[in-house]
Amino acid sequence: MLKYKRILLKLSGEALAGEMGVGIDQKVLADVCAGIAALYRLGARITIVNGGGNFWRGRSGKNMDRTRADHMGMLATVINALALQDALETQGVPTRVQTAIAMSQIAEPYIRGRALRHLEKERIVIFACGTGNPYFTTDTAAALRAAEIDAEVILKATDVDGVYDSDPALNADAVRFTHLDYMEVLNRGLGVMDSTATTLCMDNKIPIIVFSIKDPENIIRVAMGQPVGTLVS
């Protein structure tokens, strides 16, 4: 029994790179999409916002114009979105890719009404190019799209199994939180989402669940309300 039926899945680009660290690991991609497909077949209506950090991040261009570097990052998200579309459709799941920057030869432009119609027709919608604006992260895009499509929750899939009080890769004694409120995340500067995204979720009362995608079945566990990862609400 699903606790959340209208879901926005925020998928980091790094999650698709696997152990390679860059690019797309085809096995990881297939496994992640198998988890998404299984959740879809349970009756969830799913939208996805994916990052592009496995190819490029705006902040990677240290000596570049920030706007141009961010536009490069938006293009990186399109590569991942098309890869997700291909892997999901291979598993028999109907999808549409919508981009916040027009590129009509390969994807639809983002139109809220059309996205909602796709959900009604039981298609997964993948939102690429973030918000279409520089200086805004794909986390902010996830919060914005979640609000626009009336998502019940944001599932933030990462390579870490929740939110910690310090970096678990650097501190063996780091403590994982099971639940946080939005203001605690903001006041403590915890790396759940950037402050703009967190505030947008707080204002629109959209819960965020941070969990590890290393086990793709976690997607189903979280949607069923099982105690996986960290809940921010």
Foldseek 3Di string as FASTA:
>chain_A
DFPFAEEEEEEEQQQQCPPVSADGDLVSLLQLLVLVLVSLVVRHQYEYEYWQVSHADLVVCVPDDSFVSLQVRLVSQVVVLVSNCVSNVVVVAAEFEEECDDDPVPHHHDDLVVCLVCSVVSHYYYYTSQNVGGPDGNLLSSLVSCLSNVGQAYEYEDQDFAWWLDDCVVDVPTDHALEEELVVCVVSVTVPDPNNNSVSCNVSVHKYFYGYCVNSNVVVCVRRPHSTYHIYD
